[in-house]
Amino acid sequence: MARALSKDLRLRVLKAADEGASARQAAARFGVGISSAIRWIARAKIGEQMPRAQGR
């Protein structure tokens, strides 16, 4: 099962993307999965910056 990543890490990836880095560059810089970075950036564009609740 995947481990939860910190909200701070998510915000740092989003900030890097806002400053012009691609999702792949931001993922490599902070050591997260490319798909996670792409998903976080896509969700941030529609206004969702915080993670959704896990579980039921």
C-alpha atoms as a PDB file:
ATOM      1  CA  MET A   1       0.000   0.000   0.000  1.00  0.00           C
ATOM      2  CA  ALA A   2       1.224   3.488  -0.768  1.00  0.00           C
ATOM      3  CA  ARG A   3       2.426   5.669   2.045  1.00  0.00           C
ATOM      4  CA  ALA A   4       0.915   9.050   2.772  1.00  0.00           C
ATOM      5  CA  LEU A   5       3.066  12.015   1.810  1.00  0.00           C
ATOM      6  CA  SER A   6       3.135  15.223   3.806  1.00  0.00           C
ATOM      7  CA  LYS A   7       1.039  18.251   2.979  1.00  0.00           C
ATOM      8  CA  ASP A   8       4.200  20.339   3.079  1.00  0.00           C
ATOM      9  CA  LEU A   9       5.785  18.186   0.377  1.00  0.00           C
ATOM     10  CA  ARG A  10       2.680  18.549  -1.778  1.00  0.00           C
ATOM     11  CA  LEU A  11       2.767  22.335  -1.394  1.00  0.00           C
ATOM     12  CA  ARG A  12       6.472  22.443  -2.299  1.00  0.00           C
ATOM     13  CA  VAL A  13       5.790  20.446  -5.489  1.00  0.00           C
ATOM     14  CA  LEU A  14       2.924  22.795  -6.372  1.00  0.00           C
ATOM     15  CA  LYS A  15       5.082  25.853  -5.721  1.00  0.00           C
ATOM     16  CA  ALA A  16       7.833  24.496  -7.979  1.00  0.00           C
ATOM     17  CA  ALA A  17       5.259  23.918 -10.719  1.00  0.00           C
ATOM     18  CA  ASP A  18       3.936  27.472 -10.291  1.00  0.00           C
ATOM     19  CA  GLU A  19       7.474  28.780 -10.679  1.00  0.00           C
ATOM     20  CA  GLY A  20       7.810  27.089 -14.066  1.00  0.00           C
ATOM     21  CA  ALA A  21       9.062  23.580 -13.385  1.00  0.00           C
ATOM     22  CA  SER A  22       7.341  20.725 -15.195  1.00  0.00           C
ATOM     23  CA  ALA A  23       5.607  18.011 -13.210  1.00  0.00           C
ATOM     24  CA  ARG A  24       8.438  15.603 -14.027  1.00  0.00           C
ATOM     25  CA  GLN A  25      11.085  18.090 -12.890  1.00  0.00           C
ATOM     26  CA  ALA A  26       9.223  18.815  -9.654  1.00  0.00           C
ATOM     27  CA  ALA A  27       8.766  15.086  -8.990  1.00  0.00           C
ATOM     28  CA  ALA A  28      12.464  14.396  -9.481  1.00  0.00           C
ATOM     29  CA  ARG A  29      13.480  17.375  -7.351  1.00  0.00           C
ATOM     30  CA  PHE A  30      11.385  16.305  -4.355  1.00  0.00           C
ATOM     31  CA  GLY A  31      11.548  12.523  -4.782  1.00  0.00           C
ATOM     32  CA  VAL A  32       7.880  11.813  -5.404  1.00  0.00           C
ATOM     33  CA  GLY A  33       6.278   9.770  -8.158  1.00  0.00           C
ATOM     34  CA  ILE A  34       5.708  11.428 -11.501  1.00  0.00           C
ATOM     35  CA  SER A  35       2.055  10.375 -11.522  1.00  0.00           C
ATOM     36  CA  SER A  36       1.561  11.861  -8.055  1.00  0.00           C
ATOM     37  CA  ALA A  37       3.041  15.197  -9.125  1.00  0.00           C
ATOM     38  CA  ILE A  38       0.942  15.261 -12.289  1.00  0.00           C
ATOM     39  CA  ARG A  39      -2.222  14.461 -10.304  1.00  0.00           C
ATOM     40  CA  TRP A  40      -1.461  17.070  -7.618  1.00  0.00           C
ATOM     41  CA  ILE A  41      -0.821  19.783 -10.202  1.00  0.00           C
ATOM     42  CA  ALA A  42      -3.978  18.915 -12.145  1.00  0.00           C
ATOM     43  CA  ARG A  43      -6.070  19.016  -8.964  1.00  0.00           C
ATOM     44  CA  ALA A  44      -4.472  22.328  -7.916  1.00  0.00           C
ATOM     45  CA  LYS A  45      -5.588  23.867 -11.206  1.00  0.00           C
ATOM     46  CA  ILE A  46      -9.217  23.231 -10.224  1.00  0.00           C
ATOM     47  CA  GLY A  47      -8.676  24.570  -6.707  1.00  0.00           C
ATOM     48  CA  GLU A  48      -7.928  21.439  -4.664  1.00  0.00           C
ATOM     49  CA  GLN A  49      -4.554  21.759  -2.937  1.00  0.00           C
ATOM     50  CA  MET A  50      -5.067  19.576   0.140  1.00  0.00           C
ATOM     51  CA  PRO A  51      -5.348  15.786   0.028  1.00  0.00           C
ATOM     52  CA  ARG A  52      -8.668  14.043   0.196  1.00  0.00           C
ATOM     53  CA  ALA A  53      -9.552  11.887   3.186  1.00  0.00           C
ATOM     54  CA  GLN A  54      -8.278   8.311   3.133  1.00  0.00           C
ATOM     55  CA  GLY A  55     -10.369   5.325   4.077  1.00  0.00           C
ATOM     56  CA  ARG A  56     -14.063   5.314   4.672  1.00  0.00           C
END
